[in-house]
Protein backbone atom coordinates (compact mmCIF):
# COMPACT_ATOMS: atom_id res chain seq x y z
CA MET A 1 -9.23 -0.73 0.11
CA THR A 2 -8.43 -0.15 -3.53
CA ASP A 3 -6.37 -2.29 -5.41
CA LYS A 4 -5.08 0.89 -7.19
CA TRP A 5 -4.12 2.94 -3.89
CA THR A 6 -2.52 5.87 -4.82
CA ALA A 7 -1.33 9.00 -2.67
CA ALA A 8 -4.84 10.60 -3.22
CA ASP A 9 -6.61 7.99 -1.02
CA LEU A 10 -4.70 9.18 2.23
CA PRO A 11 -6.91 9.62 4.96
CA ASP A 12 -7.01 12.47 6.73
CA LEU A 13 -4.07 13.08 9.18
CA SER A 14 -5.51 15.78 11.16
CA GLY A 15 -3.75 15.90 14.38
CA ARG A 16 -1.29 13.03 13.66
CA SER A 17 2.39 13.31 14.59
CA VAL A 18 5.36 11.63 11.85
CA VAL A 19 8.98 11.69 11.64
CA VAL A 20 10.63 11.54 8.03
CA THR A 21 14.13 10.71 8.36
CA GLY A 22 15.78 11.82 5.10
CA ALA A 23 13.19 14.14 3.86
CA SER A 24 15.48 16.78 2.35
CA SER A 25 15.52 14.55 -1.16
CA GLY A 26 13.68 11.65 -3.23
CA ILE A 27 11.47 9.61 -1.36
CA GLY A 28 11.50 10.61 2.11
CA ALA A 29 10.32 14.26 0.66
CA ALA A 30 7.85 12.95 -1.25
CA THR A 31 6.73 10.77 1.70
CA ALA A 32 6.59 14.10 4.26
CA ARG A 33 5.16 16.16 1.26
CA GLU A 34 1.68 13.87 0.92
CA LEU A 35 1.58 13.57 4.88
CA ALA A 36 1.88 17.57 5.42
CA ARG A 37 -1.07 17.44 2.19
CA ALA A 38 -3.12 15.00 4.38
CA GLY A 39 -2.97 17.12 7.59
CA ALA A 40 0.09 15.59 9.83
CA LYS A 41 2.73 17.43 11.29
CA VAL A 42 5.11 16.30 9.96
CA VAL A 43 8.95 16.40 10.89
CA LEU A 44 11.45 16.65 8.74
CA ALA A 45 14.69 15.20 10.61
CA VAL A 46 17.60 15.70 8.13
CA ARG A 47 21.50 16.02 7.71
CA ASP A 48 21.57 19.27 6.09
CA VAL A 49 18.90 21.71 8.41
CA ALA A 50 19.15 24.76 5.83
CA LYS A 51 18.61 22.14 2.72
CA GLY A 52 15.58 20.69 4.92
CA HIS A 53 14.47 24.37 5.38
CA ARG A 54 14.17 24.69 1.58
CA VAL A 55 12.37 21.56 1.32
CA ALA A 56 9.98 21.98 3.61
CA ALA A 57 8.87 25.83 2.24
CA THR A 58 7.88 24.12 -0.69
CA MET A 59 5.19 22.04 1.21
CA SER A 60 1.46 22.88 2.16
CA GLY A 61 0.72 21.94 5.50
CA GLU A 62 2.26 21.84 9.20
CA THR A 63 6.05 21.05 8.88
CA GLU A 64 9.15 21.22 11.16
CA VAL A 65 12.83 20.61 10.22
CA ARG A 66 15.47 18.94 12.93
CA GLU A 67 18.96 17.71 12.35
CA LEU A 68 19.63 14.02 12.57
CA LYS A 69 23.13 12.62 11.66
CA LEU A 70 22.24 8.84 11.34
CA ASP A 71 25.76 8.11 10.95
CA ASP A 72 26.61 9.75 14.29
CA LEU A 73 25.32 8.06 17.19
CA ALA A 74 25.66 11.72 19.23
CA SER A 75 23.11 13.00 16.61
CA VAL A 76 20.79 10.38 16.96
CA ARG A 77 21.23 10.43 20.96
CA ALA A 78 20.56 14.23 20.73
CA PHE A 79 17.24 13.49 18.62
CA GLY A 80 16.02 11.33 20.62
CA ALA A 81 16.60 13.56 23.67
CA ALA A 82 14.87 16.60 22.47
CA TRP A 83 11.94 14.34 21.41
CA SER A 84 8.65 15.09 23.86
CA GLY A 85 5.16 13.89 23.79
CA ASP A 86 3.52 11.29 22.02
CA LEU A 87 5.02 10.72 17.89
CA ASP A 88 2.56 8.63 15.80
CA ILE A 89 4.62 7.20 12.86
CA LEU A 90 8.06 7.21 12.55
CA ILE A 91 9.39 6.42 9.21
CA ASN A 92 12.86 5.49 8.73
CA ASN A 93 13.26 6.10 5.29
CA ALA A 94 16.80 7.34 4.72
CA GLY A 95 19.84 5.50 3.69
CA ILE A 96 22.89 5.24 0.98
CA MET A 97 23.40 3.23 -1.40
CA MET A 98 26.92 1.26 -2.80
CA VAL A 99 28.85 3.78 -1.73
CA PRO A 100 32.76 3.64 -1.28
CA GLU A 101 34.10 1.95 1.79
CA GLY A 102 34.42 4.09 4.69
CA ARG A 103 33.14 4.70 8.08
CA THR A 104 30.85 6.36 10.54
CA ALA A 105 31.77 8.41 13.11
CA ASP A 106 31.53 5.54 15.60
CA GLY A 107 33.58 3.02 13.27
CA PHE A 108 30.63 1.28 11.49
CA GLU A 109 31.08 0.33 7.81
CA ARG A 110 28.88 3.31 6.61
CA GLN A 111 25.91 1.69 5.00
CA ILE A 112 25.32 -0.60 8.19
CA GLY A 113 26.16 2.28 10.42
CA THR A 114 23.68 4.63 8.52
CA ASN A 115 20.98 2.49 6.75
CA HIS A 116 20.44 -0.06 9.84
CA LEU A 117 22.68 0.87 13.05
CA GLY A 118 21.41 5.03 13.12
CA HIS A 119 17.70 3.47 12.51
CA PHE A 120 18.10 1.13 14.77
CA ALA A 121 19.39 3.66 17.34
CA LEU A 122 16.33 6.10 16.63
CA THR A 123 13.63 3.72 16.70
CA ASN A 124 14.59 2.26 20.24
CA LEU A 125 14.91 6.14 21.83
CA LEU A 126 11.45 7.51 20.42
CA LEU A 127 9.58 3.63 20.82
CA PRO A 128 8.65 5.43 24.55
CA HIS A 129 6.62 7.66 22.37
CA ILE A 130 5.37 6.08 19.59
CA THR A 131 1.74 5.10 19.22
CA ASP A 132 1.00 3.73 15.92
CA ARG A 133 3.77 2.44 14.36
CA VAL A 134 7.38 2.27 12.63
CA VAL A 135 8.00 1.96 8.87
CA THR A 136 11.10 1.32 7.62
CA VAL A 137 12.47 1.34 4.26
CA SER A 138 14.73 -1.50 3.04
CA SER A 139 14.97 -2.96 -0.64
CA HIS A 140 13.67 -6.10 -2.76
CA LEU A 141 17.91 -6.24 -2.46
CA HIS A 142 17.50 -8.03 0.81
CA ALA A 143 16.89 -11.09 -0.54
CA GLY A 144 20.98 -10.90 -1.58
CA GLY A 145 22.23 -9.79 1.99
CA ARG A 146 24.35 -12.51 3.67
CA LEU A 147 25.07 -10.81 7.32
CA ASP A 148 28.12 -12.05 8.75
CA LEU A 149 27.48 -11.11 12.10
CA ASP A 150 30.78 -11.77 13.60
CA ASP A 151 32.47 -9.28 10.75
CA LEU A 152 28.99 -6.72 10.68
CA ASN A 153 31.41 -3.61 10.00
CA TRP A 154 33.31 -5.50 7.58
CA ARG A 155 36.89 -5.63 9.35
CA THR A 156 38.19 -8.80 8.06
CA ARG A 157 36.42 -9.46 4.77
CA PRO A 158 37.47 -7.93 1.38
CA TYR A 159 34.65 -5.15 0.70
CA SER A 160 32.12 -4.97 -1.30
CA SER A 161 29.58 -2.09 -2.03
CA SER A 162 26.89 -4.21 -3.27
CA GLN A 163 27.23 -6.60 -1.04
CA ALA A 164 27.01 -4.47 2.11
CA TYR A 165 24.23 -2.48 0.41
CA SER A 166 22.11 -5.49 0.60
CA ASP A 167 23.46 -6.83 4.49
CA SER A 168 21.87 -3.57 5.60
CA LYS A 169 18.79 -3.79 4.04
CA LEU A 170 18.20 -7.27 4.98
CA ALA A 171 19.32 -5.67 8.73
CA ASN A 172 16.35 -3.13 8.31
CA MET A 173 13.75 -6.61 7.19
CA LEU A 174 15.53 -8.65 10.49
CA PHE A 175 15.06 -5.52 12.91
CA THR A 176 11.40 -5.11 11.85
CA LEU A 177 10.13 -8.34 11.95
CA GLU A 178 12.23 -9.00 15.45
CA LEU A 179 10.48 -5.28 16.61
CA GLN A 180 6.98 -7.04 15.62
CA ARG A 181 7.93 -9.90 17.67
CA ARG A 182 8.88 -7.90 20.87
CA LEU A 183 5.93 -5.47 20.06
CA ASN A 184 3.87 -8.29 20.41
CA ALA A 185 5.07 -9.79 23.36
CA ALA A 186 5.07 -6.48 25.07
CA GLY A 187 1.33 -6.64 24.55
CA SER A 188 1.68 -3.26 22.37
CA SER A 189 -0.46 -2.17 19.57
CA VAL A 190 1.86 -0.50 18.07
CA ARG A 191 3.30 -1.72 14.36
CA ALA A 192 6.56 -2.25 12.72
CA LEU A 193 6.16 -2.37 9.36
CA VAL A 194 8.95 -2.48 6.31
CA VAL A 195 8.62 -1.59 2.45
CA HIS A 196 10.31 -1.79 -0.64
CA PRO A 197 9.53 1.58 -2.54
CA GLY A 198 10.52 0.11 -6.48
CA MET A 199 13.29 1.27 -8.28
CA THR A 200 13.21 4.87 -8.34
CA SER A 201 14.99 7.84 -9.34
CA THR A 202 16.74 9.38 -6.67
CA ASN A 203 19.94 10.39 -6.07
CA LEU A 204 20.70 7.27 -3.90
CA PHE A 205 22.68 5.73 -7.44
CA GLY A 206 24.93 8.18 -7.38
CA HIS A 207 27.84 6.21 -6.37
CA ALA A 208 27.36 3.73 -8.68
CA THR A 209 30.04 3.07 -11.18
CA GLY A 210 31.25 0.69 -13.98
CA VAL A 211 29.15 -2.33 -14.84
CA GLN A 212 26.65 -0.96 -11.71
CA ALA A 213 25.81 2.04 -13.59
CA THR A 214 25.68 0.26 -17.00
CA LEU A 215 22.84 -2.10 -15.36
CA ILE A 216 21.00 0.52 -13.38
CA GLY A 217 20.86 3.01 -16.69
CA LEU A 218 19.58 -0.03 -18.88
CA VAL A 219 16.87 -1.11 -16.14
CA GLY A 220 16.24 2.47 -15.31
CA ARG A 221 15.27 3.52 -18.78
CA LEU A 222 12.50 0.57 -18.89
CA VAL A 223 11.15 0.97 -15.10
CA MET A 224 12.53 3.64 -13.14
CA GLN A 225 9.81 5.88 -11.38
CA ASP A 226 9.87 9.43 -9.94
CA ALA A 227 10.11 9.78 -5.85
CA GLU A 228 6.15 10.28 -5.96
CA HIS A 229 5.56 6.75 -7.01
CA GLY A 230 8.63 5.43 -5.02
CA ALA A 231 7.05 6.85 -1.84
CA ARG A 232 3.05 4.68 -2.23
CA SER A 233 4.80 1.99 -0.29
CA THR A 234 5.72 3.93 2.39
CA LEU A 235 2.62 6.26 2.37
CA PHE A 236 0.55 2.57 2.12
CA ALA A 237 2.48 0.95 4.83
CA ALA A 238 1.95 4.19 6.96
CA THR A 239 -1.44 5.12 6.62
CA GLN A 240 -3.50 1.73 6.02
CA ASP A 241 -4.90 -0.44 8.34
CA ILE A 242 -2.58 -3.55 7.47
CA PRO A 243 -1.25 -6.27 10.19
CA GLY A 244 1.84 -5.69 11.97
CA GLY A 245 5.33 -7.46 10.22
CA SER A 246 3.59 -6.60 7.09
CA PHE A 247 6.18 -6.32 3.75
CA VAL A 248 4.71 -3.79 1.40
CA TRP A 249 6.07 -3.78 -2.01
CA PRO A 250 4.82 -2.52 -5.90
CA GLY A 251 2.78 -4.89 -7.21
CA GLY A 252 4.13 -4.07 -10.83
CA PHE A 253 6.83 -5.52 -13.02
CA ALA A 254 9.59 -7.33 -10.91
CA HIS A 255 8.20 -5.43 -7.63
CA MET A 256 10.04 -2.72 -9.47
CA ARG A 257 6.91 -0.14 -10.17
CA GLY A 258 2.96 -0.14 -9.67
CA TYR A 259 0.73 0.25 -6.69
CA PRO A 260 1.06 -1.41 -3.32
CA LYS A 261 0.36 -4.59 -1.97
CA ILE A 262 1.34 -7.03 0.50
CA ALA A 263 4.32 -9.66 -0.09
CA THR A 264 6.00 -12.30 1.67
CA GLU A 265 9.43 -11.62 3.51
CA SER A 266 12.12 -13.70 1.85
CA ARG A 267 12.98 -16.81 3.83
CA VAL A 268 16.55 -14.91 4.57
CA ALA A 269 14.59 -12.36 6.46
CA GLN A 270 12.27 -14.75 8.43
CA ASP A 271 14.91 -16.27 10.12
CA ALA A 272 14.25 -15.12 13.90
CA CYS A 273 17.31 -16.50 15.18
CA VAL A 274 19.76 -14.03 13.39
CA ALA A 275 17.02 -12.05 13.93
CA ARG A 276 17.40 -11.68 17.51
CA ASN A 277 21.25 -11.99 17.64
CA LEU A 278 21.71 -9.16 15.14
CA TRP A 279 19.08 -7.07 17.43
CA ASP A 280 21.78 -7.91 20.05
CA LEU A 281 24.57 -7.03 18.91
CA SER A 282 23.00 -3.44 17.54
CA ALA A 283 22.11 -3.22 21.05
CA ARG A 284 25.76 -3.66 21.90
CA LEU A 285 27.53 -1.70 19.54
CA THR A 286 25.02 1.08 19.91
CA PHE A 287 24.83 0.93 23.59
CA ILE A 288 21.25 1.46 23.17
CA ASP A 289 18.32 -0.67 25.20
CA SER A 290 15.22 -1.54 24.68
CA PRO A 291 12.81 0.36 26.52
CA ALA A 292 9.08 -0.39 26.99
CA PRO A 293 6.65 0.74 24.01
CA ALA A 294 4.20 3.32 24.72
CA ALA A 295 1.27 1.58 23.82
CA ALA A 296 2.36 -1.64 26.14
CA SER A 297 -0.99 -2.86 27.66
């Protein structure tokens, strides 16, 4: 394994099946494009099917577009119910960032609902089919997360879009590590991995305003990378032989860009008690039970 790993180092993925959420733009589209180029059958799970088809038409290899609205559990359940056969890799990529306060179709705060609860439900619904791994896109900003499990959906606290985003990314980390613990306990060979893509030029930053927008602009001019480079961490985690529970991020300046490296999760992400409690709460909120994984032995 090279220290300067890029998408050019992807193995032959012929015969492999992959679902990439949020694959119609940004890092998701770049991820799907490279995986399809390497021979995988890639399902683009997207909100806007027409846009998904337009993006898929620019890709080489075998692709399919299916509707998935992570902010609507009915859509997530429909996607899960429609799946048949094995699924090698699930990539939980889609997300929203620092959006104005709002609610999902099920009444969840938009960022925790989309970034975490939607993917929590999707992963558990697809888990009986998954044979290799689940890769979830988080952020280094998870380290600033302060999850309030008594008010996960910001019903009583004054709303902060930036804090809600960090909380949702911490939830991604806690979810991944708890999923790996559960896979281990089940004797499964399926792996759960989590990534930080670095600072990438995508439409995620479109809702930033004021001081946030100014800071993003200043930092972006120095270190922001394009989506193709931002996809490296995800592609590495999705295809390389690394341990379950690994956290992959860019090894360059401030971990905002660079070649993929395996890192140590922040202390807040390693709290197994909080992770268990978050899992239980997420299961209650989504009405999703945890099935046995496909590769349990």
